[in-house]
Protein backbone atom coordinates (compact mmCIF):
# COMPACT_ATOMS: atom_id res chain seq x y z
CA MET A 1 70.66 164.86 71.82
CA HIS A 2 71.18 165.60 75.52
CA MET A 3 74.30 164.18 77.17
CA GLY A 4 73.89 163.00 80.74
CA PHE A 5 75.89 161.65 83.65
CA ARG A 6 74.57 159.31 86.33
CA TRP A 7 74.98 160.68 89.84
CA TYR A 8 74.08 158.86 93.05
CA GLY A 9 73.62 161.95 95.21
CA GLN A 10 75.44 163.80 97.94
CA GLY A 11 76.95 161.46 100.50
CA ASN A 12 76.29 158.45 98.26
CA ASP A 13 78.79 159.12 95.47
CA THR A 14 82.53 159.72 95.33
CA ILE A 15 81.91 162.27 92.56
CA SER A 16 80.51 165.77 93.12
CA LEU A 17 78.34 167.94 90.91
CA ASP A 18 81.31 170.31 90.70
CA ASP A 19 83.36 167.47 89.18
CA ILE A 20 80.65 166.72 86.63
CA ARG A 21 80.21 170.41 85.81
CA GLN A 22 83.71 170.47 84.32
CA ILE A 23 82.97 167.70 81.78
CA PRO A 24 82.21 169.48 78.48
CA GLY A 25 78.82 168.71 77.01
CA VAL A 26 77.00 167.35 80.04
CA GLU A 27 73.51 168.82 80.35
CA THR A 28 71.56 166.23 82.32
CA ILE A 29 72.12 164.70 85.73
CA VAL A 30 70.56 161.24 85.80
CA TRP A 31 69.41 160.79 89.38
CA SER A 32 67.31 158.78 91.79
CA LEU A 33 66.27 158.72 95.43
CA HIS A 34 68.51 155.87 96.44
CA HIS A 35 67.41 155.87 100.07
CA LYS A 36 63.88 154.86 99.07
CA GLN A 37 62.91 151.21 99.33
CA THR A 38 61.30 149.55 96.34
CA GLY A 39 57.55 150.02 96.65
CA GLU A 40 57.76 153.26 98.66
CA VAL A 41 56.12 156.42 97.35
CA TRP A 42 58.52 159.23 96.42
CA GLN A 43 57.14 162.26 98.21
CA PRO A 44 56.95 165.68 96.47
CA GLU A 45 59.23 167.40 98.97
CA GLU A 46 61.95 164.73 98.51
CA ILE A 47 61.75 165.07 94.75
CA GLU A 48 61.85 168.86 94.88
CA GLU A 49 64.88 168.86 97.18
CA ALA A 50 66.84 166.49 94.95
CA MET A 51 65.99 168.41 91.80
CA ALA A 52 66.83 171.76 93.38
CA THR A 53 70.29 170.45 94.28
CA ILE A 54 70.86 169.39 90.68
CA THR A 55 69.44 172.43 88.91
CA GLY A 56 70.66 175.12 91.31
CA LEU A 57 73.95 176.68 92.29
CA SER A 58 75.35 177.06 95.79
CA ALA A 59 76.36 180.43 97.19
CA ARG A 60 79.98 179.28 96.96
CA ASP A 61 79.55 178.45 93.26
CA ARG A 62 77.95 181.80 92.49
CA ALA A 63 80.67 183.62 94.39
CA ALA A 64 83.25 181.81 92.28
CA GLY A 65 81.57 182.96 89.08
CA ILE A 66 80.18 179.54 88.18
CA THR A 67 77.07 179.70 86.02
CA LYS A 68 76.76 176.23 84.48
CA THR A 69 73.76 174.27 85.77
CA PHE A 70 72.08 170.98 84.86
CA ASN A 71 68.61 169.73 84.15
CA ALA A 72 67.10 166.87 86.17
CA ASP A 73 64.88 165.49 83.39
CA VAL A 74 65.81 161.82 83.80
CA VAL A 75 65.34 159.52 86.78
CA GLU A 76 67.07 156.13 86.93
CA SER A 77 65.56 154.12 88.52
CA VAL A 78 62.13 153.84 90.07
CA ASN A 79 62.43 150.14 90.84
CA VAL A 80 59.47 147.84 90.27
CA HIS A 81 58.50 145.76 93.30
CA GLU A 82 58.92 141.99 93.01
CA SER A 83 55.20 141.53 93.72
CA VAL A 84 54.50 143.22 90.37
CA LYS A 85 56.94 141.02 88.47
CA THR A 86 55.68 137.81 90.09
CA GLY A 87 52.00 138.81 90.11
CA SER A 88 51.73 137.76 93.74
CA THR A 89 51.89 139.15 97.26
CA VAL A 90 55.51 139.47 98.36
CA LEU A 91 56.65 140.52 101.85
CA GLY A 92 53.09 141.53 102.66
CA ILE A 93 52.72 143.83 99.65
CA SER A 94 50.28 142.88 96.91
CA ARG A 95 50.81 143.60 93.25
CA ASP A 96 48.06 146.23 93.21
CA GLN A 97 49.39 147.96 96.32
CA ALA A 98 52.84 148.20 94.74
CA ILE A 99 51.41 149.50 91.47
CA ASP A 100 49.34 152.12 93.30
CA ALA A 101 52.54 153.37 94.98
CA TYR A 102 54.34 153.40 91.63
CA ILE A 103 51.53 155.42 90.05
CA GLU A 104 51.68 157.98 92.86
CA THR A 105 55.44 158.28 92.44
CA ILE A 106 55.13 158.78 88.67
CA ALA A 107 52.51 161.48 89.23
CA ASN A 108 54.76 163.27 91.73
CA LEU A 109 57.74 163.09 89.37
CA GLY A 110 55.68 164.34 86.44
CA LYS A 111 54.34 167.29 88.42
CA ALA A 112 57.94 168.20 89.30
CA GLY A 113 58.97 168.22 85.64
CA VAL A 114 60.68 164.85 85.21
CA LYS A 115 60.40 163.71 81.59
CA VAL A 116 61.85 160.18 81.55
CA VAL A 117 61.82 157.40 84.15
CA ALA A 118 64.11 154.45 83.49
CA TYR A 119 63.32 151.11 85.12
CA ASN A 120 63.82 147.39 84.61
CA PHE A 121 61.72 144.25 84.87
CA MET A 122 64.43 141.75 85.85
CA PRO A 123 63.88 139.10 88.51
CA VAL A 124 65.86 139.67 91.73
CA PHE A 125 69.03 141.10 90.16
CA ASP A 126 68.80 144.33 88.20
CA TRP A 127 72.37 143.64 87.00
CA LEU A 128 74.96 140.98 87.69
CA ARG A 129 78.74 140.91 87.66
CA THR A 130 81.03 138.44 89.35
CA GLU A 131 83.94 140.80 89.99
CA MET A 132 83.81 144.50 90.76
CA PHE A 133 87.46 145.43 90.20
CA HIS A 134 88.80 142.96 87.66
CA PRO A 135 92.40 143.68 86.53
CA CYS A 136 92.58 144.83 82.90
CA PRO A 137 95.60 144.50 80.56
CA ASP A 138 96.28 148.26 80.78
CA GLY A 139 96.47 148.28 84.59
CA SER A 140 92.99 149.67 85.18
CA THR A 141 90.20 147.64 86.76
CA ALA A 142 86.64 147.08 85.57
CA LEU A 143 83.43 145.18 86.12
CA TYR A 144 83.63 141.56 84.97
CA TYR A 145 81.06 138.87 84.29
CA ASN A 146 82.45 135.32 84.47
CA GLN A 147 79.96 132.76 83.16
CA HIS A 148 81.98 129.88 84.62
CA GLN A 149 81.69 131.40 88.10
CA VAL A 150 77.95 131.94 87.69
CA ASP A 151 77.59 128.29 86.67
CA ARG A 152 79.51 127.21 89.77
CA LEU A 153 78.01 129.43 92.48
CA SER A 154 74.52 129.78 93.89
CA PRO A 155 72.66 133.10 93.58
CA GLN A 156 73.43 133.84 97.24
CA GLY A 157 77.10 133.10 96.65
CA ILE A 158 77.18 135.58 93.78
CA ILE A 159 75.46 138.19 95.93
CA ASP A 160 77.92 137.74 98.79
CA GLU A 161 80.91 138.11 96.48
CA THR A 162 79.46 141.18 94.77
CA LEU A 163 78.49 142.99 97.94
CA LYS A 164 82.00 142.51 99.30
CA GLY A 165 83.35 144.27 96.22
CA ALA A 166 80.89 147.16 96.51
CA GLY A 167 82.20 148.29 99.88
CA SER A 168 80.06 150.77 101.81
CA LEU A 169 78.26 152.19 98.77
CA THR A 170 74.73 151.03 98.05
CA VAL A 171 73.93 148.45 95.39
CA PRO A 172 70.32 149.28 94.51
CA GLY A 173 67.67 146.97 93.16
CA TRP A 174 68.70 143.64 94.68
CA GLU A 175 66.25 141.69 96.78
CA PRO A 176 67.87 138.26 97.14
CA GLU A 177 65.45 137.04 99.81
CA LEU A 178 62.75 136.95 97.13
CA MET A 179 64.35 134.30 94.94
CA GLU A 180 61.80 131.66 95.83
CA ALA A 181 58.98 133.80 94.43
CA TYR A 182 60.20 133.04 90.90
CA GLN A 183 60.30 129.27 91.16
CA GLY A 184 58.31 127.76 88.30
CA MET A 185 57.68 131.06 86.53
CA ASP A 186 58.11 131.12 82.75
CA HIS A 187 58.51 133.85 80.14
CA GLU A 188 54.84 133.95 79.23
CA GLN A 189 53.89 134.66 82.84
CA MET A 190 56.48 137.43 83.01
CA TYR A 191 55.11 139.07 79.86
CA ALA A 192 51.58 138.84 81.26
CA ASN A 193 52.67 140.47 84.52
CA PHE A 194 54.56 143.11 82.55
CA LYS A 195 51.44 143.97 80.56
CA TYR A 196 49.38 144.23 83.75
CA PHE A 197 51.92 146.73 85.10
CA LEU A 198 52.06 148.83 81.93
CA ASP A 199 48.31 148.96 81.46
CA ALA A 200 47.94 150.20 85.04
CA VAL A 201 50.73 152.79 84.99
CA ILE A 202 50.70 154.20 81.45
CA PRO A 203 47.54 156.35 81.85
CA THR A 204 49.29 158.30 84.63
CA CYS A 205 52.40 158.66 82.46
CA GLU A 206 50.23 160.07 79.66
CA ARG A 207 48.49 162.47 82.02
CA TYR A 208 51.73 163.94 83.39
CA GLY A 209 53.96 163.67 80.33
CA VAL A 210 56.35 161.05 81.71
CA LYS A 211 58.01 158.57 79.36
CA LEU A 212 58.68 155.12 80.85
CA ALA A 213 61.93 153.64 79.53
CA VAL A 214 62.65 149.97 80.18
CA HIS A 215 66.29 148.89 80.49
CA PRO A 216 67.37 145.63 78.80
CA ASP A 217 68.28 142.69 80.99
CA ASP A 218 71.87 142.80 82.21
CA PRO A 219 73.29 140.45 81.13
CA ALA A 220 70.76 139.79 78.39
CA PHE A 221 69.87 136.16 79.07
CA ASP A 222 68.16 134.07 81.72
CA LEU A 223 69.96 133.53 85.03
CA PHE A 224 69.46 130.73 87.53
CA GLY A 225 66.37 129.57 85.67
CA TRP A 226 64.54 132.88 86.19
CA PRO A 227 62.88 134.27 83.05
CA ARG A 228 64.20 137.51 81.58
CA VAL A 229 62.04 139.10 78.90
CA VAL A 230 63.97 142.17 77.61
CA SER A 231 67.00 140.31 76.27
CA SER A 232 66.68 140.41 72.49
CA LYS A 233 65.27 142.46 69.62
CA GLU A 234 62.21 140.20 69.60
CA GLY A 235 61.77 140.59 73.35
CA ILE A 236 62.00 144.36 73.17
CA GLN A 237 59.45 144.46 70.36
CA ARG A 238 57.08 142.31 72.37
CA VAL A 239 57.38 144.63 75.39
CA LEU A 240 56.64 147.67 73.22
CA ASP A 241 53.65 145.83 71.77
CA LEU A 242 52.26 145.09 75.26
CA ASN A 243 51.01 148.68 75.38
CA PRO A 244 51.11 150.84 72.24
CA SER A 245 51.26 154.19 74.08
CA PRO A 246 54.20 156.42 73.16
CA CYS A 247 54.86 156.57 76.91
CA ASN A 248 55.93 152.91 76.79
CA GLY A 249 59.52 153.20 75.59
CA LEU A 250 63.13 152.18 76.00
CA CYS A 251 66.22 152.98 77.97
CA LEU A 252 68.37 151.18 75.43
CA CYS A 253 71.58 150.15 77.16
CA LEU A 254 73.80 148.98 74.33
CA GLY A 255 76.33 147.25 76.60
CA SER A 256 73.65 145.17 78.30
CA PHE A 257 71.95 144.39 74.99
CA SER A 258 75.28 143.38 73.42
CA SER A 259 76.10 140.95 76.23
CA ARG A 260 73.89 138.43 74.39
CA ARG A 261 75.86 137.10 71.44
CA GLY A 262 74.02 137.69 68.19
CA ASN A 263 72.29 140.89 69.31
CA ASP A 264 73.05 143.71 66.87
CA ALA A 265 73.30 147.01 68.77
CA VAL A 266 73.32 149.30 65.73
CA ASP A 267 70.31 147.51 64.22
CA ALA A 268 68.46 147.88 67.54
CA VAL A 269 69.12 151.63 67.59
CA LYS A 270 67.82 152.04 64.05
CA THR A 271 64.82 149.76 64.62
CA PHE A 272 63.59 151.32 67.85
CA MET A 273 64.76 154.92 67.35
CA ASP A 274 61.30 156.43 67.82
CA ARG A 275 60.81 154.67 71.16
CA ILE A 276 64.30 155.20 72.62
CA TYR A 277 63.93 157.97 75.18
CA PHE A 278 67.20 157.31 76.98
CA SER A 279 70.30 155.36 75.97
CA HIS A 280 73.38 154.04 77.72
CA VAL A 281 76.35 153.72 75.39
CA ARG A 282 79.21 151.56 76.60
CA ASN A 283 81.53 148.83 75.42
CA ILE A 284 82.35 145.29 76.50
CA ARG A 285 84.88 142.71 75.43
CA PHE A 286 84.08 138.99 75.43
CA THR A 287 86.75 136.75 76.91
CA ASP A 288 85.47 133.30 75.95
CA GLU A 289 82.85 131.48 73.90
CA GLN A 290 80.65 130.99 76.98
CA GLY A 291 79.84 134.71 77.15
CA SER A 292 82.17 135.99 79.88
CA PHE A 293 83.03 139.65 79.38
CA TYR A 294 84.52 142.73 81.03
CA GLU A 295 83.88 146.45 80.59
CA VAL A 296 86.33 148.38 78.42
CA GLY A 297 86.75 151.97 77.25
CA HIS A 298 84.05 153.52 75.08
CA ARG A 299 86.17 153.53 71.91
CA ALA A 300 84.75 151.03 69.41
CA SER A 301 88.06 149.28 68.76
CA GLU A 302 88.47 148.50 72.48
CA GLY A 303 85.70 145.91 72.55
CA ASN A 304 82.87 144.13 70.76
CA VAL A 305 80.28 146.95 70.68
CA ASP A 306 80.21 149.24 67.64
CA THR A 307 79.97 152.51 69.52
CA VAL A 308 80.84 154.45 66.36
CA GLY A 309 77.98 152.83 64.44
CA ILE A 310 75.65 153.51 67.37
CA MET A 311 76.48 157.21 67.57
CA LYS A 312 76.40 157.51 63.76
CA ALA A 313 72.85 156.10 63.79
CA TYR A 314 71.79 158.55 66.50
CA ALA A 315 73.45 161.49 64.72
CA GLU A 316 71.97 160.74 61.33
CA ALA A 317 68.50 160.50 62.90
CA ASP A 318 69.04 163.78 64.81
CA TYR A 319 68.17 161.94 68.00
CA GLN A 320 66.47 164.23 70.51
CA GLY A 321 66.55 161.99 73.58
CA TYR A 322 69.03 161.51 76.42
CA ILE A 323 72.32 159.60 76.30
CA ARG A 324 74.88 158.86 78.94
CA PRO A 325 78.13 156.92 79.08
CA ASP A 326 77.83 153.79 81.12
CA HIS A 327 80.15 151.65 83.21
CA GLY A 328 83.69 152.90 82.99
CA ARG A 329 86.98 151.44 84.09
CA HIS A 330 88.53 152.59 87.37
CA LEU A 331 91.59 154.70 86.55
CA TRP A 332 94.51 156.43 88.23
CA SER A 333 93.69 157.52 91.78
CA GLU A 334 90.41 155.58 91.61
CA ASN A 335 92.32 152.36 91.07
CA THR A 336 93.41 152.08 94.70
CA GLU A 337 91.79 150.78 97.87
CA ALA A 338 91.54 154.31 99.25
CA GLY A 339 90.14 155.89 96.09
CA ARG A 340 87.72 153.26 94.88
CA PRO A 341 84.45 154.66 93.55
CA ARG A 342 81.14 152.85 93.20
CA PRO A 343 81.99 149.87 90.93
CA GLY A 344 81.74 150.97 87.31
CA TYR A 345 80.93 154.56 88.21
CA GLY A 346 84.20 156.39 88.51
CA LEU A 347 84.79 159.84 87.08
CA TYR A 348 87.63 159.64 84.60
CA ASP A 349 86.69 156.88 82.17
CA ARG A 350 83.11 158.09 81.92
CA ALA A 351 84.33 161.65 81.31
CA MET A 352 86.63 160.42 78.53
CA GLY A 353 83.78 158.32 77.19
CA ILE A 354 81.57 161.39 76.91
CA GLN A 355 84.20 163.19 74.85
CA TYR A 356 84.58 160.20 72.55
CA LEU A 357 80.82 159.83 72.05
CA LEU A 358 80.37 163.56 71.46
CA GLY A 359 83.27 163.53 69.01
CA VAL A 360 81.62 160.83 66.93
CA TRP A 361 78.28 162.63 67.16
CA ASP A 362 79.82 165.93 66.03
CA ALA A 363 81.68 164.30 63.15
CA TYR A 364 78.53 162.78 61.71
CA ARG A 365 76.26 165.75 62.49
CA TYR A 366 78.55 168.27 60.82
CA ASN A 367 79.23 166.10 57.77
CA ARG A 368 75.73 164.99 56.87
């Protein structure tokens, strides 16, 4: 198992590689080119520059005796253009044009040595929360999803509220002006469009050794009448069945998956183990019967996700893929107006989460 940490890049993250370097056990920096628009080709020189920053050491680091480096095996995300999801021309870009650009990007990433590309197939929103810095009982703040607020506000209202909370940092993957493109679309059409995408892209993945890893819907149910198709065990199985290639796999986010009541995270890990190439392990706590929830610490007893059972399943299977902690609370100096990080992506709670997850992993690995 390879432990990772998501990093948004120099000038686009409040956390530095030097900060991450001091977290025991982190091997992989999960990265992306966040300045690229969805549908743009990632050029080889851009990829090489980003990977060199991650895998190398600065002169200052070397002078200080620092030797620890990272791998850049995992990219999250290469976003799928809305024309692909809708099967139509959107903003002047056709589905086939967008897929051609995606294929070129995958080829460039594979040539550079990237092994896993995480992505999603969600309409408009690639995640949704209603509050970025919700007060928690312990004095920290965290991401919060309030179903009552979603029921009351329009999609644009939700977007406006969320962007206010994000501050100056980018919120990738949202294209709210494209909402109308999904009117009248059902789940069967989404699965058909998904298959078209996979059948077109997978041969390039096979050629260059890149594993595609689809992220579950977040939250894992339909929103605003738009169909979401990676929200349940049955939905995941259907997506894997759309194309049987081993390159068609999962980025199994257990917090997102668990946001749908009745989904069993541990069972999903055991069921799909051979197709899980990347996993996000995090915890949430439900606040009402309607499905509202907020993010909590990674410890199993903090919330409703069995993080111990999840890591036990990975350890007993000797999982060889990539794992990272996911959304953490905002703690200490981060929990101020001046110190606020990207919502959900502060340093301290994710660092503590890594130590908890590795502790569970070690306990089960060493006592098999």
